[in-house]
């Protein structure tokens, strides 16, 4: 598979992972706002008037944008070389880019804004939650990646231990057989 196809597959995978997490976060926020009305995110729901699991859609694009930011900022580094605060900051950058996406779409003529709605005001309202969710999602992504990487290391260590034990057995078998062949050679000479 080519390098670009792997990157595209990684961005789609990151987007799908974030989409699932953001859908769950949307449902939890909705439940919390019904149980405790008047929480600070009421302004967000006035702008984002959609079913709460619909946060999966910006979550997908946020994950894909974060994948691009990560590809640029962490090029050539392993997950164990990356700090959690830096990863969260890169996630926040991805969230900021995500919150600017509607402005880019409006500038390209793809998105139209209804009368009486300021695009920049809407961007200001959605940027806070998007930046926060992106930073949290990036942190969770790093923790999951490190956990998966640790499992791979443990698996490879198990394979190495198995190989060593198998090689140790075969070496001891060879050692025993070489001793017995030396003994038979000495007996045949006498």
N, C-alpha and C. Protein backbone atom coordinates (compact mmCIF):
# COMPACT_ATOMS: atom_id res chain seq x y z
N UNK A 1 0.85 -1.17 0.00
CA UNK A 1 0.00 0.00 0.00
C UNK A 1 0.90 1.24 0.00
N UNK A 2 0.54 2.22 -0.79
CA UNK A 2 1.38 3.41 -0.90
C UNK A 2 1.30 4.24 0.37
N UNK A 3 2.27 5.14 0.50
CA UNK A 3 2.37 5.99 1.69
C UNK A 3 1.13 6.88 1.84
N UNK A 4 0.64 7.43 0.74
CA UNK A 4 -0.52 8.31 0.80
C UNK A 4 -1.79 7.54 1.14
N UNK A 5 -1.91 6.32 0.64
CA UNK A 5 -3.09 5.52 0.96
C UNK A 5 -3.11 5.16 2.45
N UNK A 6 -1.94 4.88 3.02
CA UNK A 6 -1.86 4.60 4.46
C UNK A 6 -2.27 5.84 5.26
N UNK A 7 -1.83 7.00 4.81
CA UNK A 7 -2.19 8.23 5.52
C UNK A 7 -3.69 8.51 5.43
N UNK A 8 -4.26 8.31 4.26
CA UNK A 8 -5.70 8.52 4.09
C UNK A 8 -6.48 7.52 4.94
N UNK A 9 -6.04 6.25 4.94
CA UNK A 9 -6.69 5.24 5.77
C UNK A 9 -6.58 5.61 7.25
N UNK A 10 -5.43 6.12 7.66
CA UNK A 10 -5.25 6.54 9.05
C UNK A 10 -6.15 7.71 9.41
N UNK A 11 -6.29 8.68 8.50
CA UNK A 11 -7.16 9.83 8.76
C UNK A 11 -8.62 9.40 8.85
N UNK A 12 -9.03 8.48 8.00
CA UNK A 12 -10.41 7.98 8.05
C UNK A 12 -10.63 7.21 9.35
N UNK A 13 -9.66 6.38 9.73
CA UNK A 13 -9.77 5.63 10.98
C UNK A 13 -9.84 6.55 12.19
N UNK A 14 -9.01 7.58 12.20
CA UNK A 14 -9.04 8.55 13.30
C UNK A 14 -10.38 9.28 13.31
N UNK A 15 -10.87 9.64 12.13
CA UNK A 15 -12.16 10.32 12.05
C UNK A 15 -13.30 9.46 12.57
N UNK A 16 -13.30 8.18 12.21
CA UNK A 16 -14.36 7.28 12.68
C UNK A 16 -14.28 7.06 14.19
N UNK A 17 -13.06 6.97 14.70
CA UNK A 17 -12.90 6.79 16.14
C UNK A 17 -13.41 8.01 16.89
N UNK A 18 -13.03 9.18 16.42
CA UNK A 18 -13.49 10.41 17.06
C UNK A 18 -15.00 10.56 16.90
N UNK A 19 -15.55 10.18 15.75
CA UNK A 19 -16.99 10.30 15.53
C UNK A 19 -17.75 9.48 16.58
N UNK A 20 -17.29 8.28 16.86
CA UNK A 20 -17.95 7.44 17.86
C UNK A 20 -17.87 8.10 19.24
N UNK A 21 -16.69 8.60 19.58
CA UNK A 21 -16.53 9.26 20.88
C UNK A 21 -17.37 10.51 21.01
N UNK A 22 -17.44 11.30 19.94
CA UNK A 22 -18.21 12.54 19.99
C UNK A 22 -19.70 12.26 20.04
N UNK A 23 -20.16 11.19 19.40
CA UNK A 23 -21.58 10.84 19.47
C UNK A 23 -21.95 10.49 20.91
N UNK A 24 -21.11 9.72 21.57
CA UNK A 24 -21.35 9.38 22.98
C UNK A 24 -21.31 10.65 23.84
N UNK A 25 -20.33 11.52 23.58
CA UNK A 25 -20.25 12.78 24.34
C UNK A 25 -21.50 13.62 24.13
N UNK A 26 -22.02 13.66 22.91
CA UNK A 26 -23.25 14.41 22.63
C UNK A 26 -24.43 13.88 23.42
N UNK A 27 -24.55 12.56 23.47
CA UNK A 27 -25.65 11.96 24.24
C UNK A 27 -25.49 12.28 25.73
N UNK A 28 -24.26 12.18 26.25
CA UNK A 28 -24.03 12.48 27.67
C UNK A 28 -24.31 13.94 27.98
N UNK A 29 -23.93 14.83 27.09
CA UNK A 29 -24.22 16.26 27.28
C UNK A 29 -25.73 16.50 27.28
N UNK A 30 -26.43 15.83 26.36
CA UNK A 30 -27.89 15.97 26.30
C UNK A 30 -28.57 15.48 27.56
N UNK A 31 -28.13 14.35 28.07
CA UNK A 31 -28.69 13.81 29.31
C UNK A 31 -28.41 14.76 30.46
N UNK A 32 -27.17 15.27 30.53
CA UNK A 32 -26.81 16.19 31.61
C UNK A 32 -27.61 17.49 31.51
N UNK A 33 -27.84 17.99 30.30
CA UNK A 33 -28.58 19.25 30.17
C UNK A 33 -30.06 19.06 30.50
N UNK A 34 -30.58 17.86 30.30
CA UNK A 34 -31.97 17.61 30.71
C UNK A 34 -32.09 17.44 32.22
N UNK A 35 -31.08 16.83 32.82
CA UNK A 35 -31.11 16.63 34.27
C UNK A 35 -30.76 17.91 35.03
N UNK A 36 -29.86 18.72 34.47
CA UNK A 36 -29.41 19.96 35.12
C UNK A 36 -29.54 21.13 34.13
N UNK A 37 -30.73 21.68 33.97
CA UNK A 37 -30.90 22.78 33.01
C UNK A 37 -30.12 24.03 33.43
N UNK A 38 -29.74 24.83 32.43
CA UNK A 38 -29.03 26.08 32.69
C UNK A 38 -27.51 25.94 32.74
N UNK A 39 -26.99 24.83 32.24
CA UNK A 39 -25.54 24.64 32.21
C UNK A 39 -24.92 25.52 31.12
N UNK A 40 -23.61 25.74 31.18
CA UNK A 40 -22.99 26.71 30.27
C UNK A 40 -23.08 26.37 28.79
N UNK A 41 -23.42 25.18 28.40
CA UNK A 41 -23.43 24.86 26.98
C UNK A 41 -24.77 25.11 26.31
N UNK A 42 -25.69 25.78 26.99
CA UNK A 42 -26.98 26.11 26.36
C UNK A 42 -26.79 26.99 25.13
N UNK A 43 -25.82 27.90 25.16
CA UNK A 43 -25.55 28.74 23.99
C UNK A 43 -25.10 27.90 22.80
N UNK A 44 -24.36 26.84 23.08
CA UNK A 44 -23.90 25.94 22.02
C UNK A 44 -25.10 25.26 21.35
N UNK A 45 -26.09 24.84 22.15
CA UNK A 45 -27.24 24.15 21.59
C UNK A 45 -28.18 25.08 20.82
N UNK A 46 -28.09 26.38 21.08
CA UNK A 46 -28.87 27.32 20.28
C UNK A 46 -28.30 27.42 18.86
N UNK A 47 -26.97 27.24 18.73
CA UNK A 47 -26.32 27.29 17.42
C UNK A 47 -26.37 25.91 16.76
N UNK A 48 -26.04 24.89 17.52
CA UNK A 48 -25.97 23.52 17.01
C UNK A 48 -27.30 22.85 17.29
N UNK A 49 -28.27 23.12 16.43
CA UNK A 49 -29.63 22.61 16.64
C UNK A 49 -29.78 21.32 15.84
N UNK A 50 -29.29 20.24 16.42
CA UNK A 50 -29.35 18.93 15.77
C UNK A 50 -29.47 17.87 16.85
N UNK A 51 -29.86 16.67 16.47
CA UNK A 51 -29.86 15.60 17.48
C UNK A 51 -28.45 15.42 18.05
N UNK A 52 -28.37 15.15 19.33
CA UNK A 52 -27.08 15.13 20.01
C UNK A 52 -26.08 14.11 19.44
N UNK A 53 -26.50 12.91 19.01
CA UNK A 53 -25.50 12.03 18.40
C UNK A 53 -24.94 12.59 17.09
N UNK A 54 -25.55 13.66 16.58
CA UNK A 54 -25.04 14.28 15.35
C UNK A 54 -23.68 14.93 15.58
N UNK A 55 -23.22 15.00 16.82
CA UNK A 55 -21.85 15.47 17.06
C UNK A 55 -20.84 14.54 16.42
N UNK A 56 -21.29 13.37 16.01
CA UNK A 56 -20.40 12.43 15.31
C UNK A 56 -19.89 13.04 14.00
N UNK A 57 -20.69 13.87 13.37
CA UNK A 57 -20.28 14.44 12.07
C UNK A 57 -19.09 15.40 12.26
N UNK A 58 -19.19 16.41 13.13
CA UNK A 58 -17.98 17.22 13.33
C UNK A 58 -16.85 16.41 13.98
N UNK A 59 -17.19 15.37 14.73
CA UNK A 59 -16.16 14.51 15.32
C UNK A 59 -15.34 13.81 14.25
N UNK A 60 -16.01 13.36 13.20
CA UNK A 60 -15.29 12.72 12.10
C UNK A 60 -14.32 13.69 11.44
N UNK A 61 -14.81 14.88 11.12
CA UNK A 61 -13.95 15.87 10.47
C UNK A 61 -12.85 16.36 11.42
N UNK A 62 -13.17 16.46 12.71
CA UNK A 62 -12.15 16.85 13.69
C UNK A 62 -11.05 15.81 13.77
N UNK A 63 -11.42 14.53 13.76
CA UNK A 63 -10.41 13.46 13.78
C UNK A 63 -9.55 13.46 12.54
N UNK A 64 -10.18 13.70 11.39
CA UNK A 64 -9.41 13.74 10.14
C UNK A 64 -8.46 14.95 10.13
N UNK A 65 -8.94 16.11 10.59
CA UNK A 65 -8.07 17.29 10.66
C UNK A 65 -6.95 17.09 11.66
N UNK A 66 -7.25 16.46 12.79
CA UNK A 66 -6.20 16.17 13.77
C UNK A 66 -5.16 15.24 13.17
N UNK A 67 -5.59 14.31 12.37
CA UNK A 67 -4.65 13.39 11.73
C UNK A 67 -3.67 14.15 10.84
N UNK A 68 -4.17 15.17 10.16
CA UNK A 68 -3.29 16.00 9.32
C UNK A 68 -2.32 16.79 10.20
N UNK A 69 -2.85 17.41 11.28
CA UNK A 69 -1.99 18.17 12.20
C UNK A 69 -0.93 17.25 12.80
N UNK A 70 -1.33 16.07 13.21
CA UNK A 70 -0.40 15.11 13.80
C UNK A 70 0.67 14.67 12.79
N UNK A 71 0.25 14.46 11.55
CA UNK A 71 1.21 14.08 10.52
C UNK A 71 2.27 15.13 10.27
N UNK A 72 1.90 16.38 10.43
CA UNK A 72 2.85 17.47 10.24
C UNK A 72 3.70 17.69 11.49
N UNK A 73 3.05 17.74 12.65
CA UNK A 73 3.75 18.11 13.88
C UNK A 73 4.59 16.98 14.48
N UNK A 74 4.17 15.75 14.31
CA UNK A 74 4.86 14.63 14.97
C UNK A 74 5.54 13.71 13.97
N UNK A 75 5.90 14.23 12.85
CA UNK A 75 6.48 13.40 11.79
C UNK A 75 7.69 12.63 12.30
N UNK A 76 7.64 11.31 12.12
CA UNK A 76 8.78 10.47 12.44
C UNK A 76 8.95 10.12 13.91
N UNK A 77 8.01 10.51 14.75
CA UNK A 77 8.13 10.19 16.18
C UNK A 77 7.22 9.02 16.55
N UNK A 78 7.66 8.24 17.53
CA UNK A 78 6.85 7.15 18.05
C UNK A 78 5.93 7.71 19.14
N UNK A 79 4.89 6.95 19.47
CA UNK A 79 3.93 7.41 20.47
C UNK A 79 4.56 7.57 21.85
N UNK A 80 5.53 6.74 22.18
CA UNK A 80 6.16 6.87 23.50
C UNK A 80 7.07 8.09 23.59
N UNK A 81 7.36 8.73 22.46
CA UNK A 81 8.18 9.94 22.45
C UNK A 81 7.33 11.21 22.54
N UNK A 82 6.01 11.08 22.50
CA UNK A 82 5.11 12.24 22.48
C UNK A 82 4.50 12.44 23.86
N UNK A 83 4.46 13.69 24.30
CA UNK A 83 3.88 13.98 25.61
C UNK A 83 2.36 14.19 25.48
N UNK A 84 1.66 13.88 26.53
CA UNK A 84 0.21 14.02 26.53
C UNK A 84 -0.23 15.48 26.40
N UNK A 85 0.40 16.44 27.11
CA UNK A 85 -0.01 17.85 26.94
C UNK A 85 0.22 18.36 25.51
N UNK A 86 1.32 17.95 24.88
CA UNK A 86 1.58 18.39 23.51
C UNK A 86 0.54 17.79 22.56
N UNK A 87 0.22 16.53 22.78
CA UNK A 87 -0.80 15.86 21.96
C UNK A 87 -2.14 16.56 22.11
N UNK A 88 -2.50 16.93 23.35
CA UNK A 88 -3.75 17.65 23.60
C UNK A 88 -3.73 19.02 22.90
N UNK A 89 -2.57 19.68 22.90
CA UNK A 89 -2.46 20.98 22.21
C UNK A 89 -2.66 20.80 20.71
N UNK A 90 -2.09 19.74 20.15
CA UNK A 90 -2.30 19.48 18.72
C UNK A 90 -3.77 19.17 18.44
N UNK A 91 -4.43 18.49 19.38
CA UNK A 91 -5.86 18.25 19.25
C UNK A 91 -6.64 19.55 19.27
N UNK A 92 -6.23 20.47 20.15
CA UNK A 92 -6.89 21.78 20.22
C UNK A 92 -6.72 22.55 18.91
N UNK A 93 -5.55 22.44 18.30
CA UNK A 93 -5.33 23.07 16.98
C UNK A 93 -6.29 22.47 15.96
N UNK A 94 -6.42 21.14 15.99
CA UNK A 94 -7.39 20.49 15.10
C UNK A 94 -8.80 20.97 15.35
N UNK A 95 -9.18 21.16 16.62
CA UNK A 95 -10.50 21.68 16.96
C UNK A 95 -10.71 23.10 16.47
N UNK A 96 -9.66 23.91 16.56
CA UNK A 96 -9.74 25.29 16.04
C UNK A 96 -9.95 25.27 14.52
N UNK A 97 -9.19 24.42 13.84
CA UNK A 97 -9.39 24.29 12.38
C UNK A 97 -10.79 23.82 12.06
N UNK A 98 -11.30 22.90 12.88
CA UNK A 98 -12.67 22.40 12.67
C UNK A 98 -13.69 23.52 12.84
N UNK A 99 -13.49 24.36 13.84
CA UNK A 99 -14.45 25.45 14.06
C UNK A 99 -14.38 26.50 12.96
N UNK A 100 -13.26 26.58 12.24
CA UNK A 100 -13.15 27.51 11.12
C UNK A 100 -13.65 26.92 9.80
N UNK A 101 -13.95 25.62 9.80
CA UNK A 101 -14.41 24.95 8.58
C UNK A 101 -15.68 25.56 8.01
N UNK A 102 -16.70 25.91 8.82
CA UNK A 102 -17.89 26.55 8.23
C UNK A 102 -17.57 27.88 7.53
N UNK A 103 -16.62 28.64 8.06
CA UNK A 103 -16.23 29.90 7.40
C UNK A 103 -15.58 29.61 6.04
N UNK A 104 -14.76 28.59 5.99
CA UNK A 104 -14.12 28.23 4.72
C UNK A 104 -15.16 27.77 3.72
N UNK A 105 -16.14 27.00 4.17
CA UNK A 105 -17.20 26.55 3.27
C UNK A 105 -18.04 27.71 2.78
N UNK A 106 -18.32 28.68 3.66
CA UNK A 106 -19.09 29.87 3.25
C UNK A 106 -18.29 30.71 2.26
N UNK A 107 -16.98 30.83 2.49
CA UNK A 107 -16.14 31.60 1.57
C UNK A 107 -16.08 30.94 0.20
N UNK A 108 -16.14 29.61 0.17
CA UNK A 108 -16.11 28.90 -1.11
C UNK A 108 -17.48 28.88 -1.78
N UNK A 109 -18.51 29.35 -1.09
CA UNK A 109 -19.84 29.39 -1.67
C UNK A 109 -20.62 28.09 -1.51
N UNK A 110 -20.09 27.17 -0.74
CA UNK A 110 -20.75 25.88 -0.53
C UNK A 110 -21.79 25.96 0.58
N UNK A 111 -21.56 26.86 1.54
CA UNK A 111 -22.44 26.99 2.70
C UNK A 111 -23.09 28.37 2.67
N UNK A 112 -24.38 28.39 2.87
CA UNK A 112 -25.07 29.68 2.97
C UNK A 112 -25.58 29.84 4.40
N UNK A 113 -25.60 31.07 4.83
CA UNK A 113 -26.02 31.39 6.19
C UNK A 113 -27.37 32.10 6.11
N UNK A 114 -28.26 31.72 7.02
CA UNK A 114 -29.59 32.32 7.04
C UNK A 114 -29.54 33.78 7.45
N UNK A 115 -30.63 34.51 7.22
CA UNK A 115 -30.68 35.93 7.59
C UNK A 115 -30.61 36.10 9.11
N UNK A 116 -29.87 37.10 9.53
CA UNK A 116 -29.76 37.41 10.95
C UNK A 116 -28.76 36.55 11.71
N UNK A 117 -28.05 35.69 11.00
CA UNK A 117 -27.06 34.83 11.66
C UNK A 117 -25.66 35.27 11.25
N UNK A 118 -24.87 35.60 12.22
CA UNK A 118 -23.49 36.00 11.97
C UNK A 118 -22.62 34.74 11.98
N UNK A 119 -21.90 34.51 10.91
CA UNK A 119 -21.06 33.33 10.80
C UNK A 119 -19.93 33.37 11.83
N UNK A 120 -19.36 34.55 12.05
CA UNK A 120 -18.27 34.65 13.03
C UNK A 120 -18.76 34.47 14.46
N UNK A 121 -19.97 34.92 14.74
CA UNK A 121 -20.54 34.71 16.07
C UNK A 121 -20.80 33.22 16.29
N UNK A 122 -21.32 32.55 15.29
CA UNK A 122 -21.53 31.10 15.39
C UNK A 122 -20.20 30.38 15.57
N UNK A 123 -19.17 30.83 14.87
CA UNK A 123 -17.85 30.22 14.99
C UNK A 123 -17.31 30.40 16.41
N UNK A 124 -17.54 31.59 16.97
CA UNK A 124 -17.07 31.83 18.34
C UNK A 124 -17.77 30.92 19.34
N UNK A 125 -19.05 30.65 19.11
CA UNK A 125 -19.80 29.81 20.04
C UNK A 125 -19.38 28.34 19.91
N UNK A 126 -19.17 27.85 18.68
CA UNK A 126 -18.84 26.43 18.52
C UNK A 126 -17.36 26.13 18.75
N UNK A 127 -16.51 27.16 18.68
CA UNK A 127 -15.07 26.88 18.80
C UNK A 127 -14.68 26.35 20.18
N UNK A 128 -15.29 26.86 21.24
CA UNK A 128 -14.96 26.39 22.58
C UNK A 128 -15.20 24.89 22.77
N UNK A 129 -16.43 24.43 22.52
CA UNK A 129 -16.68 22.99 22.66
C UNK A 129 -15.86 22.14 21.69
N UNK A 130 -15.67 22.62 20.45
CA UNK A 130 -14.90 21.84 19.48
C UNK A 130 -13.43 21.72 19.91
N UNK A 131 -12.87 22.81 20.41
CA UNK A 131 -11.47 22.78 20.86
C UNK A 131 -11.33 21.86 22.07
N UNK A 132 -12.27 21.95 23.01
CA UNK A 132 -12.22 21.10 24.20
C UNK A 132 -12.39 19.62 23.84
N UNK A 133 -13.39 19.32 23.03
CA UNK A 133 -13.60 17.92 22.63
C UNK A 133 -12.42 17.38 21.83
N UNK A 134 -11.83 18.22 21.00
CA UNK A 134 -10.68 17.78 20.20
C UNK A 134 -9.46 17.51 21.08
N UNK A 135 -9.22 18.36 22.05
CA UNK A 135 -8.09 18.14 22.96
C UNK A 135 -8.29 16.86 23.76
N UNK A 136 -9.51 16.64 24.25
CA UNK A 136 -9.81 15.41 24.99
C UNK A 136 -9.69 14.18 24.09
N UNK A 137 -10.18 14.29 22.87
CA UNK A 137 -10.12 13.17 21.94
C UNK A 137 -8.68 12.85 21.56
N UNK A 138 -7.86 13.87 21.37
CA UNK A 138 -6.45 13.64 21.04
C UNK A 138 -5.75 12.94 22.20
N UNK A 139 -6.03 13.38 23.42
CA UNK A 139 -5.42 12.73 24.58
C UNK A 139 -5.85 11.27 24.68
N UNK A 140 -7.13 11.02 24.49
CA UNK A 140 -7.62 9.64 24.53
C UNK A 140 -7.01 8.81 23.40
N UNK A 141 -6.82 9.42 22.24
CA UNK A 141 -6.20 8.71 21.11
C UNK A 141 -4.77 8.31 21.43
N UNK A 142 -4.02 9.21 22.07
CA UNK A 142 -2.64 8.88 22.43
C UNK A 142 -2.61 7.76 23.47
N UNK A 143 -3.48 7.84 24.45
CA UNK A 143 -3.51 6.80 25.48
C UNK A 143 -3.87 5.43 24.88
N UNK A 144 -4.83 5.43 23.96
CA UNK A 144 -5.20 4.18 23.29
C UNK A 144 -4.06 3.65 22.42
N UNK A 145 -3.39 4.55 21.71
CA UNK A 145 -2.28 4.14 20.85
C UNK A 145 -1.13 3.58 21.68
N UNK A 146 -0.84 4.21 22.80
CA UNK A 146 0.22 3.69 23.67
C UNK A 146 -0.14 2.32 24.23
N UNK A 147 -1.39 2.17 24.58
CA UNK A 147 -1.84 0.87 25.11
C UNK A 147 -1.72 -0.22 24.04
N UNK A 148 -2.12 0.10 22.82
CA UNK A 148 -2.00 -0.87 21.73
C UNK A 148 -0.53 -1.17 21.45
N UNK A 149 0.30 -0.15 21.50
CA UNK A 149 1.74 -0.34 21.26
C UNK A 149 2.35 -1.20 22.36
N UNK A 150 1.94 -0.99 23.61
CA UNK A 150 2.43 -1.82 24.72
C UNK A 150 2.03 -3.28 24.54
N UNK A 151 0.81 -3.50 24.07
CA UNK A 151 0.37 -4.88 23.82
C UNK A 151 1.21 -5.53 22.74
N UNK A 152 1.53 -4.77 21.70
CA UNK A 152 2.36 -5.33 20.62
C UNK A 152 3.75 -5.68 21.14
N UNK A 153 4.29 -4.81 21.99
CA UNK A 153 5.61 -5.08 22.56
C UNK A 153 5.56 -6.34 23.42
N UNK A 154 4.50 -6.46 24.22
CA UNK A 154 4.36 -7.66 25.05
C UNK A 154 4.23 -8.92 24.20
N UNK A 155 3.46 -8.83 23.12
CA UNK A 155 3.32 -9.98 22.22
C UNK A 155 4.65 -10.35 21.60
N UNK A 156 5.39 -9.35 21.15
CA UNK A 156 6.68 -9.64 20.52
C UNK A 156 7.66 -10.21 21.55
N UNK A 157 7.59 -9.74 22.79
CA UNK A 157 8.44 -10.30 23.84
C UNK A 157 8.08 -11.75 24.12
N UNK A 158 6.77 -12.07 24.09
CA UNK A 158 6.35 -13.45 24.27
C UNK A 158 6.88 -14.33 23.16
N UNK A 159 6.83 -13.81 21.92
CA UNK A 159 7.35 -14.58 20.79
C UNK A 159 8.85 -14.80 20.92
N UNK A 160 9.55 -13.77 21.37
CA UNK A 160 11.00 -13.90 21.55
C UNK A 160 11.30 -14.94 22.63
N UNK A 161 10.55 -14.91 23.72
CA UNK A 161 10.75 -15.88 24.79
C UNK A 161 10.47 -17.30 24.30
N UNK A 162 9.39 -17.45 23.50
CA UNK A 162 9.08 -18.76 22.93
C UNK A 162 10.21 -19.23 22.02
N UNK A 163 10.71 -18.34 21.18
CA UNK A 163 11.80 -18.70 20.28
C UNK A 163 13.05 -19.09 21.05
N UNK A 164 13.32 -18.34 22.10
CA UNK A 164 14.50 -18.66 22.91
C UNK A 164 14.36 -20.02 23.56
N UNK A 165 13.16 -20.31 24.08
CA UNK A 165 12.97 -21.61 24.73
C UNK A 165 13.05 -22.73 23.70
N UNK A 166 12.49 -22.53 22.53
CA UNK A 166 12.57 -23.54 21.47
C UNK A 166 14.01 -23.69 21.01
N UNK A 167 14.69 -22.57 20.80
CA UNK A 167 16.10 -22.64 20.38
C UNK A 167 16.95 -23.25 21.48
N UNK A 168 16.65 -22.95 22.74
CA UNK A 168 17.39 -23.52 23.86
C UNK A 168 17.22 -25.03 23.90
N UNK A 169 15.97 -25.49 23.66
CA UNK A 169 15.73 -26.93 23.64
C UNK A 169 16.48 -27.58 22.49
N UNK A 170 16.42 -26.94 21.32
CA UNK A 170 17.10 -27.55 20.17
C UNK A 170 18.61 -27.50 20.35
N UNK A 171 19.13 -26.45 20.99
CA UNK A 171 20.58 -26.39 21.23
C UNK A 171 21.00 -27.46 22.23
N UNK A 172 20.16 -27.65 23.29
CA UNK A 172 20.52 -28.68 24.26
C UNK A 172 20.40 -30.06 23.63
N UNK A 173 19.43 -30.26 22.73
CA UNK A 173 19.32 -31.53 22.02
C UNK A 173 20.54 -31.76 21.15
N UNK A 174 20.98 -30.67 20.46
CA UNK A 174 22.17 -30.80 19.62
C UNK A 174 23.40 -31.10 20.47
N UNK A 175 23.49 -30.47 21.63
CA UNK A 175 24.63 -30.68 22.52
C UNK A 175 24.66 -32.13 23.00
N UNK A 176 23.49 -32.66 23.38
CA UNK A 176 23.41 -34.05 23.83
C UNK A 176 23.75 -34.99 22.69
N UNK A 177 23.20 -34.71 21.49
CA UNK A 177 23.47 -35.60 20.36
C UNK A 177 24.94 -35.53 19.94
N UNK A 178 25.57 -34.36 20.06
CA UNK A 178 26.99 -34.26 19.71
C UNK A 178 27.84 -35.01 20.71
N UNK A 179 27.44 -35.00 21.99
CA UNK A 179 28.17 -35.77 23.00
C UNK A 179 28.04 -37.27 22.73
N UNK A 180 26.81 -37.70 22.39
CA UNK A 180 26.62 -39.13 22.14
C UNK A 180 27.34 -39.56 20.88
N UNK A 181 27.40 -38.69 19.87
CA UNK A 181 28.14 -39.06 18.65
C UNK A 181 29.63 -39.10 18.92
N UNK A 182 30.15 -38.21 19.78
CA UNK A 182 31.57 -38.25 20.15
C UNK A 182 31.87 -39.53 20.92
N UNK A 183 30.94 -39.91 21.80
CA UNK A 183 31.14 -41.13 22.58
C UNK A 183 31.13 -42.35 21.66
N UNK A 184 30.26 -42.36 20.67
CA UNK A 184 30.22 -43.53 19.77
C UNK A 184 31.46 -43.56 18.88
N UNK A 185 31.99 -42.37 18.51
CA UNK A 185 33.21 -42.33 17.70
C UNK A 185 34.38 -42.87 18.53
N UNK A 186 34.47 -42.47 19.79
CA UNK A 186 35.57 -42.96 20.64
C UNK A 186 35.45 -44.47 20.87
N UNK A 187 34.23 -44.96 21.00
CA UNK A 187 34.05 -46.41 21.21
C UNK A 187 34.42 -47.17 19.95
N UNK A 188 34.10 -46.62 18.79
CA UNK A 188 34.42 -47.34 17.55
C UNK A 188 35.93 -47.33 17.29
N UNK A 189 36.66 -46.33 17.74
CA UNK A 189 38.10 -46.27 17.55
C UNK A 189 38.82 -47.29 18.45
N UNK A 190 38.26 -47.59 19.61
CA UNK A 190 38.94 -48.53 20.50
C UNK A 190 38.60 -49.93 20.18
